[in-house]
């Protein structure tokens, strides 16, 4: 099941999305927006997990740098 929503996006962002669709890299605007939302939700979940690990005070040498990575991987267009 899916629900249709309407969002307003800047013209330049829509132009980039349309160029991707025209190039054949993605089938539709919706597929790009869905992928972007899934990636953002996944990033937020990972960032939350990193915060929990960092707050525990335990020493996780194998996870060194994950906190910075999780915050650095946000949308570079912001």
PDB file of N, CA and C in Angstrom:
ATOM      1  N   UNK A   1       0.833  -1.172   0.000  1.00  0.00           N
ATOM      2  CA  UNK A   1       0.000   0.000   0.000  1.00  0.00           C
ATOM      3  C   UNK A   1       0.881   1.240   0.000  1.00  0.00           C
ATOM      4  N   UNK A   2       0.437   2.268  -0.623  1.00  0.00           N
ATOM      5  CA  UNK A   2       1.173   3.525  -0.595  1.00  0.00           C
ATOM      6  C   UNK A   2       0.194   4.677  -0.453  1.00  0.00           C
ATOM      7  N   UNK A   3       0.693   5.763   0.082  1.00  0.00           N
ATOM      8  CA  UNK A   3      -0.093   6.970   0.276  1.00  0.00           C
ATOM      9  C   UNK A   3       0.574   8.087  -0.493  1.00  0.00           C
ATOM     10  N   UNK A   4      -0.198   8.806  -1.258  1.00  0.00           N
ATOM     11  CA  UNK A   4       0.346   9.924  -2.014  1.00  0.00           C
ATOM     12  C   UNK A   4       0.406  11.151  -1.114  1.00  0.00           C
ATOM     13  N   UNK A   5       1.552  11.838  -1.156  1.00  0.00           N
ATOM     14  CA  UNK A   5       1.704  13.088  -0.423  1.00  0.00           C
ATOM     15  C   UNK A   5       2.191  14.158  -1.394  1.00  0.00           C
ATOM     16  N   UNK A   6       1.984  15.387  -1.019  1.00  0.00           N
ATOM     17  CA  UNK A   6       2.462  16.500  -1.840  1.00  0.00           C
ATOM     18  C   UNK A   6       3.491  17.281  -1.030  1.00  0.00           C
ATOM     19  N   UNK A   7       4.604  17.580  -1.647  1.00  0.00           N
ATOM     20  CA  UNK A   7       5.642  18.382  -0.996  1.00  0.00           C
ATOM     21  C   UNK A   7       6.101  19.467  -1.958  1.00  0.00           C
ATOM     22  N   UNK A   8       6.542  20.565  -1.404  1.00  0.00           N
ATOM     23  CA  UNK A   8       7.114  21.635  -2.213  1.00  0.00           C
ATOM     24  C   UNK A   8       8.632  21.531  -2.112  1.00  0.00           C
ATOM     25  N   UNK A   9       9.274  21.552  -3.263  1.00  0.00           N
ATOM     26  CA  UNK A   9      10.731  21.464  -3.322  1.00  0.00           C
ATOM     27  C   UNK A   9      11.263  22.621  -4.148  1.00  0.00           C
ATOM     28  N   UNK A  10      12.479  23.048  -3.875  1.00  0.00           N
ATOM     29  CA  UNK A  10      13.070  24.121  -4.664  1.00  0.00           C
ATOM     30  C   UNK A  10      13.209  23.707  -6.134  1.00  0.00           C
ATOM     31  N   UNK A  11      13.052  24.691  -7.018  1.00  0.00           N
ATOM     32  CA  UNK A  11      13.122  24.432  -8.460  1.00  0.00           C
ATOM     33  C   UNK A  11      14.406  23.720  -8.862  1.00  0.00           C
ATOM     34  N   UNK A  12      15.537  24.138  -8.298  1.00  0.00           N
ATOM     35  CA  UNK A  12      16.814  23.541  -8.696  1.00  0.00           C
ATOM     36  C   UNK A  12      16.906  22.076  -8.296  1.00  0.00           C
ATOM     37  N   UNK A  13      16.328  21.734  -7.162  1.00  0.00           N
ATOM     38  CA  UNK A  13      16.336  20.344  -6.714  1.00  0.00           C
ATOM     39  C   UNK A  13      15.471  19.482  -7.631  1.00  0.00           C
ATOM     40  N   UNK A  14      14.309  19.986  -7.998  1.00  0.00           N
ATOM     41  CA  UNK A  14      13.421  19.249  -8.904  1.00  0.00           C
ATOM     42  C   UNK A  14      14.080  19.098 -10.276  1.00  0.00           C
ATOM     43  N   UNK A  15      14.789  20.125 -10.723  1.00  0.00           N
ATOM     44  CA  UNK A  15      15.482  20.031 -12.011  1.00  0.00           C
ATOM     45  C   UNK A  15      16.528  18.921 -11.981  1.00  0.00           C
ATOM     46  N   UNK A  16      17.240  18.791 -10.876  1.00  0.00           N
ATOM     47  CA  UNK A  16      18.235  17.715 -10.755  1.00  0.00           C
ATOM     48  C   UNK A  16      17.561  16.346 -10.752  1.00  0.00           C
ATOM     49  N   UNK A  17      16.465  16.234 -10.030  1.00  0.00           N
ATOM     50  CA  UNK A  17      15.720  14.968  -9.987  1.00  0.00           C
ATOM     51  C   UNK A  17      15.215  14.623 -11.384  1.00  0.00           C
ATOM     52  N   UNK A  18      14.648  15.607 -12.074  1.00  0.00           N
ATOM     53  CA  UNK A  18      14.138  15.364 -13.428  1.00  0.00           C
ATOM     54  C   UNK A  18      15.254  14.939 -14.384  1.00  0.00           C
ATOM     55  N   UNK A  19      16.437  15.517 -14.215  1.00  0.00           N
ATOM     56  CA  UNK A  19      17.565  15.136 -15.072  1.00  0.00           C
ATOM     57  C   UNK A  19      17.948  13.680 -14.842  1.00  0.00           C
ATOM     58  N   UNK A  20      17.892  13.238 -13.611  1.00  0.00           N
ATOM     59  CA  UNK A  20      18.198  11.837 -13.300  1.00  0.00           C
ATOM     60  C   UNK A  20      17.177  10.913 -13.954  1.00  0.00           C
ATOM     61  N   UNK A  21      15.906  11.287 -13.869  1.00  0.00           N
ATOM     62  CA  UNK A  21      14.845  10.471 -14.482  1.00  0.00           C
ATOM     63  C   UNK A  21      15.013  10.459 -16.003  1.00  0.00           C
ATOM     64  N   UNK A  22      15.265  11.629 -16.602  1.00  0.00           N
ATOM     65  CA  UNK A  22      15.444  11.685 -18.064  1.00  0.00           C
ATOM     66  C   UNK A  22      16.623  10.843 -18.524  1.00  0.00           C
ATOM     67  N   UNK A  23      17.662  10.760 -17.709  1.00  0.00           N
ATOM     68  CA  UNK A  23      18.845   9.991 -18.084  1.00  0.00           C
ATOM     69  C   UNK A  23      18.606   8.484 -18.004  1.00  0.00           C
ATOM     70  N   UNK A  24      17.503   8.103 -17.369  1.00  0.00           N
ATOM     71  CA  UNK A  24      17.188   6.684 -17.241  1.00  0.00           C
ATOM     72  C   UNK A  24      17.796   6.024 -16.019  1.00  0.00           C
ATOM     73  N   UNK A  25      18.468   6.802 -15.179  1.00  0.00           N
ATOM     74  CA  UNK A  25      19.082   6.230 -13.981  1.00  0.00           C
ATOM     75  C   UNK A  25      18.041   5.784 -12.963  1.00  0.00           C
ATOM     76  N   UNK A  26      16.896   6.455 -12.946  1.00  0.00           N
ATOM     77  CA  UNK A  26      15.785   6.106 -12.058  1.00  0.00           C
ATOM     78  C   UNK A  26      14.496   6.196 -12.862  1.00  0.00           C
ATOM     79  N   UNK A  27      13.494   5.393 -12.501  1.00  0.00           N
ATOM     80  CA  UNK A  27      12.263   5.376 -13.292  1.00  0.00           C
ATOM     81  C   UNK A  27      11.323   6.554 -13.050  1.00  0.00           C
ATOM     82  N   UNK A  28      11.439   7.209 -11.877  1.00  0.00           N
ATOM     83  CA  UNK A  28      10.476   8.268 -11.570  1.00  0.00           C
ATOM     84  C   UNK A  28      10.994   9.179 -10.462  1.00  0.00           C
ATOM     85  N   UNK A  29      10.335  10.322 -10.356  1.00  0.00           N
ATOM     86  CA  UNK A  29      10.624  11.219  -9.230  1.00  0.00           C
ATOM     87  C   UNK A  29      10.354  10.507  -7.913  1.00  0.00           C
ATOM     88  N   UNK A  30       9.235   9.790  -7.883  1.00  0.00           N
ATOM     89  CA  UNK A  30       8.842   9.111  -6.650  1.00  0.00           C
ATOM     90  C   UNK A  30       9.903   8.119  -6.182  1.00  0.00           C
ATOM     91  N   UNK A  31      10.524   7.409  -7.113  1.00  0.00           N
ATOM     92  CA  UNK A  31      11.538   6.426  -6.711  1.00  0.00           C
ATOM     93  C   UNK A  31      12.743   7.115  -6.076  1.00  0.00           C
ATOM     94  N   UNK A  32      13.096   8.286  -6.578  1.00  0.00           N
ATOM     95  CA  UNK A  32      14.225   9.031  -6.013  1.00  0.00           C
ATOM     96  C   UNK A  32      13.877   9.552  -4.625  1.00  0.00           C
ATOM     97  N   UNK A  33      12.688  10.121  -4.482  1.00  0.00           N
ATOM     98  CA  UNK A  33      12.265  10.645  -3.185  1.00  0.00           C
ATOM     99  C   UNK A  33      12.146   9.520  -2.166  1.00  0.00           C
ATOM    100  N   UNK A  34      11.590   8.379  -2.580  1.00  0.00           N
ATOM    101  CA  UNK A  34      11.467   7.246  -1.666  1.00  0.00           C
ATOM    102  C   UNK A  34      12.841   6.766  -1.204  1.00  0.00           C
ATOM    103  N   UNK A  35      13.779   6.642  -2.123  1.00  0.00           N
ATOM    104  CA  UNK A  35      15.128   6.205  -1.755  1.00  0.00           C
ATOM    105  C   UNK A  35      15.783   7.201  -0.804  1.00  0.00           C
ATOM    106  N   UNK A  36      15.603   8.484  -1.078  1.00  0.00           N
ATOM    107  CA  UNK A  36      16.195   9.517  -0.220  1.00  0.00           C
ATOM    108  C   UNK A  36      15.604   9.459   1.192  1.00  0.00           C
ATOM    109  N   UNK A  37      14.298   9.278   1.287  1.00  0.00           N
ATOM    110  CA  UNK A  37      13.661   9.183   2.600  1.00  0.00           C
ATOM    111  C   UNK A  37      14.118   7.937   3.347  1.00  0.00           C
ATOM    112  N   UNK A  38      14.205   6.820   2.648  1.00  0.00           N
ATOM    113  CA  UNK A  38      14.683   5.591   3.302  1.00  0.00           C
ATOM    114  C   UNK A  38      16.119   5.768   3.805  1.00  0.00           C
ATOM    115  N   UNK A  39      16.970   6.389   2.989  1.00  0.00           N
ATOM    116  CA  UNK A  39      18.354   6.636   3.408  1.00  0.00           C
ATOM    117  C   UNK A  39      18.419   7.556   4.619  1.00  0.00           C
ATOM    118  N   UNK A  40      17.598   8.593   4.639  1.00  0.00           N
ATOM    119  CA  UNK A  40      17.585   9.516   5.782  1.00  0.00           C
ATOM    120  C   UNK A  40      17.090   8.824   7.038  1.00  0.00           C
ATOM    121  N   UNK A  41      16.049   8.024   6.931  1.00  0.00           N
ATOM    122  CA  UNK A  41      15.553   7.302   8.105  1.00  0.00           C
ATOM    123  C   UNK A  41      16.586   6.310   8.620  1.00  0.00           C
ATOM    124  N   UNK A  42      17.278   5.637   7.702  1.00  0.00           N
ATOM    125  CA  UNK A  42      18.342   4.703   8.089  1.00  0.00           C
ATOM    126  C   UNK A  42      19.486   5.457   8.774  1.00  0.00           C
ATOM    127  N   UNK A  43      19.880   6.606   8.217  1.00  0.00           N
ATOM    128  CA  UNK A  43      20.955   7.409   8.808  1.00  0.00           C
ATOM    129  C   UNK A  43      20.587   7.844  10.221  1.00  0.00           C
ATOM    130  N   UNK A  44      19.332   8.270  10.397  1.00  0.00           N
ATOM    131  CA  UNK A  44      18.896   8.693  11.723  1.00  0.00           C
ATOM    132  C   UNK A  44      18.904   7.528  12.714  1.00  0.00           C
ATOM    133  N   UNK A  45      18.501   6.356  12.258  1.00  0.00           N
ATOM    134  CA  UNK A  45      18.530   5.178  13.133  1.00  0.00           C
ATOM    135  C   UNK A  45      19.965   4.858  13.535  1.00  0.00           C
ATOM    136  N   UNK A  46      20.883   4.895  12.570  1.00  0.00           N
ATOM    137  CA  UNK A  46      22.296   4.628  12.874  1.00  0.00           C
ATOM    138  C   UNK A  46      22.835   5.664  13.839  1.00  0.00           C
ATOM    139  N   UNK A  47      22.508   6.930  13.608  1.00  0.00           N
ATOM    140  CA  UNK A  47      22.981   7.993  14.495  1.00  0.00           C
ATOM    141  C   UNK A  47      22.449   7.772  15.905  1.00  0.00           C
ATOM    142  N   UNK A  48      21.201   7.330  16.011  1.00  0.00           N
ATOM    143  CA  UNK A  48      20.634   7.046  17.325  1.00  0.00           C
ATOM    144  C   UNK A  48      21.362   5.911  18.028  1.00  0.00           C
ATOM    145  N   UNK A  49      21.698   4.884  17.272  1.00  0.00           N
ATOM    146  CA  UNK A  49      22.448   3.764  17.852  1.00  0.00           C
ATOM    147  C   UNK A  49      23.834   4.217  18.314  1.00  0.00           C
ATOM    148  N   UNK A  50      24.472   5.051  17.532  1.00  0.00           N
ATOM    149  CA  UNK A  50      25.796   5.569  17.906  1.00  0.00           C
ATOM    150  C   UNK A  50      25.693   6.397  19.181  1.00  0.00           C
ATOM    151  N   UNK A  51      24.642   7.204  19.291  1.00  0.00           N
ATOM    152  CA  UNK A  51      24.444   8.003  20.505  1.00  0.00           C
ATOM    153  C   UNK A  51      24.287   7.105  21.726  1.00  0.00           C
ATOM    154  N   UNK A  52      23.532   6.025  21.573  1.00  0.00           N
ATOM    155  CA  UNK A  52      23.346   5.084  22.684  1.00  0.00           C
ATOM    156  C   UNK A  52      24.682   4.465  23.087  1.00  0.00           C
ATOM    157  N   UNK A  53      25.461   4.039  22.092  1.00  0.00           N
ATOM    158  CA  UNK A  53      26.772   3.452  22.395  1.00  0.00           C
ATOM    159  C   UNK A  53      27.695   4.473  23.057  1.00  0.00           C
ATOM    160  N   UNK A  54      27.680   5.698  22.555  1.00  0.00           N
ATOM    161  CA  UNK A  54      28.541   6.745  23.117  1.00  0.00           C
ATOM    162  C   UNK A  54      28.130   7.071  24.550  1.00  0.00           C
ATOM    163  N   UNK A  55      26.833   7.077  24.816  1.00  0.00           N
ATOM    164  CA  UNK A  55      26.344   7.407  26.149  1.00  0.00           C
ATOM    165  C   UNK A  55      26.614   6.301  27.163  1.00  0.00           C
ATOM    166  N   UNK A  56      26.835   5.097  26.690  1.00  0.00           N
ATOM    167  CA  UNK A  56      27.053   3.979  27.611  1.00  0.00           C
ATOM    168  C   UNK A  56      28.389   4.083  28.321  1.00  0.00           C
ATOM    169  N   UNK A  57      29.296   4.870  27.758  1.00  0.00           N
ATOM    170  CA  UNK A  57      30.596   5.044  28.385  1.00  0.00           C
ATOM    171  C   UNK A  57      31.551   3.898  28.139  1.00  0.00           C
ATOM    172  N   UNK A  58      31.106   2.871  27.462  1.00  0.00           N
ATOM    173  CA  UNK A  58      31.987   1.736  27.168  1.00  0.00           C
ATOM    174  C   UNK A  58      32.996   2.140  26.108  1.00  0.00           C
ATOM    175  N   UNK A  59      34.083   1.421  26.059  1.00  0.00           N
ATOM    176  CA  UNK A  59      35.143   1.716  25.098  1.00  0.00           C
ATOM    177  C   UNK A  59      35.016   0.762  23.910  1.00  0.00           C
ATOM    178  N   UNK A  60      34.581   1.304  22.776  1.00  0.00           N
ATOM    179  CA  UNK A  60      34.407   0.519  21.565  1.00  0.00           C
ATOM    180  C   UNK A  60      35.437   0.967  20.538  1.00  0.00           C
ATOM    181  N   UNK A  61      36.666   0.489  20.666  1.00  0.00           N
ATOM    182  CA  UNK A  61      37.726   0.893  19.748  1.00  0.00           C
ATOM    183  C   UNK A  61      37.396   0.576  18.297  1.00  0.00           C
ATOM    184  N   UNK A  62      36.673  -0.518  18.054  1.00  0.00           N
ATOM    185  CA  UNK A  62      36.352  -0.907  16.683  1.00  0.00           C
ATOM    186  C   UNK A  62      35.314   0.024  16.045  1.00  0.00           C
ATOM    187  N   UNK A  63      34.678   0.867  16.854  1.00  0.00           N
ATOM    188  CA  UNK A  63      33.694   1.810  16.337  1.00  0.00           C
ATOM    189  C   UNK A  63      34.230   3.248  16.323  1.00  0.00           C
ATOM    190  N   UNK A  64      35.510   3.397  16.482  1.00  0.00           N
ATOM    191  CA  UNK A  64      36.123   4.720  16.491  1.00  0.00           C
ATOM    192  C   UNK A  64      35.729   5.500  15.236  1.00  0.00           C
ATOM    193  N   UNK A  65      35.238   6.687  15.426  1.00  0.00           N
ATOM    194  CA  UNK A  65      34.884   7.542  14.305  1.00  0.00           C
ATOM    195  C   UNK A  65      33.452   7.399  13.819  1.00  0.00           C
ATOM    196  N   UNK A  66      32.692   6.436  14.343  1.00  0.00           N
ATOM    197  CA  UNK A  66      31.324   6.238  13.858  1.00  0.00           C
ATOM    198  C   UNK A  66      30.420   7.423  14.184  1.00  0.00           C
ATOM    199  N   UNK A  67      30.606   8.039  15.342  1.00  0.00           N
ATOM    200  CA  UNK A  67      29.767   9.179  15.723  1.00  0.00           C
ATOM    201  C   UNK A  67      29.946  10.316  14.722  1.00  0.00           C
ATOM    202  N   UNK A  68      31.184  10.621  14.395  1.00  0.00           N
ATOM    203  CA  UNK A  68      31.444  11.677  13.425  1.00  0.00           C
ATOM    204  C   UNK A  68      30.923  11.295  12.042  1.00  0.00           C
ATOM    205  N   UNK A  69      31.088  10.039  11.667  1.00  0.00           N
ATOM    206  CA  UNK A  69      30.609   9.577  10.364  1.00  0.00           C
ATOM    207  C   UNK A  69      29.094   9.722  10.263  1.00  0.00           C
ATOM    208  N   UNK A  70      28.375   9.320  11.295  1.00  0.00           N
ATOM    209  CA  UNK A  70      26.917   9.373  11.280  1.00  0.00           C
ATOM    210  C   UNK A  70      26.416  10.801  11.110  1.00  0.00           C
ATOM    211  N   UNK A  71      27.101  11.750  11.711  1.00  0.00           N
ATOM    212  CA  UNK A  71      26.678  13.146  11.590  1.00  0.00           C
ATOM    213  C   UNK A  71      27.183  13.787  10.303  1.00  0.00           C
ATOM    214  N   UNK A  72      28.252  13.271   9.757  1.00  0.00           N
ATOM    215  CA  UNK A  72      28.826  13.816   8.530  1.00  0.00           C
ATOM    216  C   UNK A  72      28.086  13.369   7.278  1.00  0.00           C
ATOM    217  N   UNK A  73      27.327  12.285   7.367  1.00  0.00           N
ATOM    218  CA  UNK A  73      26.680  11.729   6.180  1.00  0.00           C
ATOM    219  C   UNK A  73      25.312  12.326   5.908  1.00  0.00           C
ATOM    220  N   UNK A  74      24.996  13.453   6.534  1.00  0.00           N
ATOM    221  CA  UNK A  74      23.719  14.096   6.226  1.00  0.00           C
ATOM    222  C   UNK A  74      23.791  14.715   4.837  1.00  0.00           C
ATOM    223  N   UNK A  75      22.673  15.161   4.351  1.00  0.00           N
ATOM    224  CA  UNK A  75      22.542  15.685   2.984  1.00  0.00           C
ATOM    225  C   UNK A  75      23.539  16.803   2.717  1.00  0.00           C
ATOM    226  N   UNK A  76      24.442  16.619   1.751  1.00  0.00           N
ATOM    227  CA  UNK A  76      25.450  17.659   1.470  1.00  0.00           C
ATOM    228  C   UNK A  76      24.850  18.896   0.819  1.00  0.00           C
ATOM    229  N   UNK A  77      23.580  18.850   0.429  1.00  0.00           N
ATOM    230  CA  UNK A  77      22.952  20.014  -0.186  1.00  0.00           C
ATOM    231  C   UNK A  77      22.393  20.976   0.843  1.00  0.00           C
ATOM    232  N   UNK A  78      22.413  20.585   2.116  1.00  0.00           N
ATOM    233  CA  UNK A  78      21.900  21.480   3.169  1.00  0.00           C
ATOM    234  C   UNK A  78      22.776  22.701   3.299  1.00  0.00           C
TER     235      UNK A  78
END
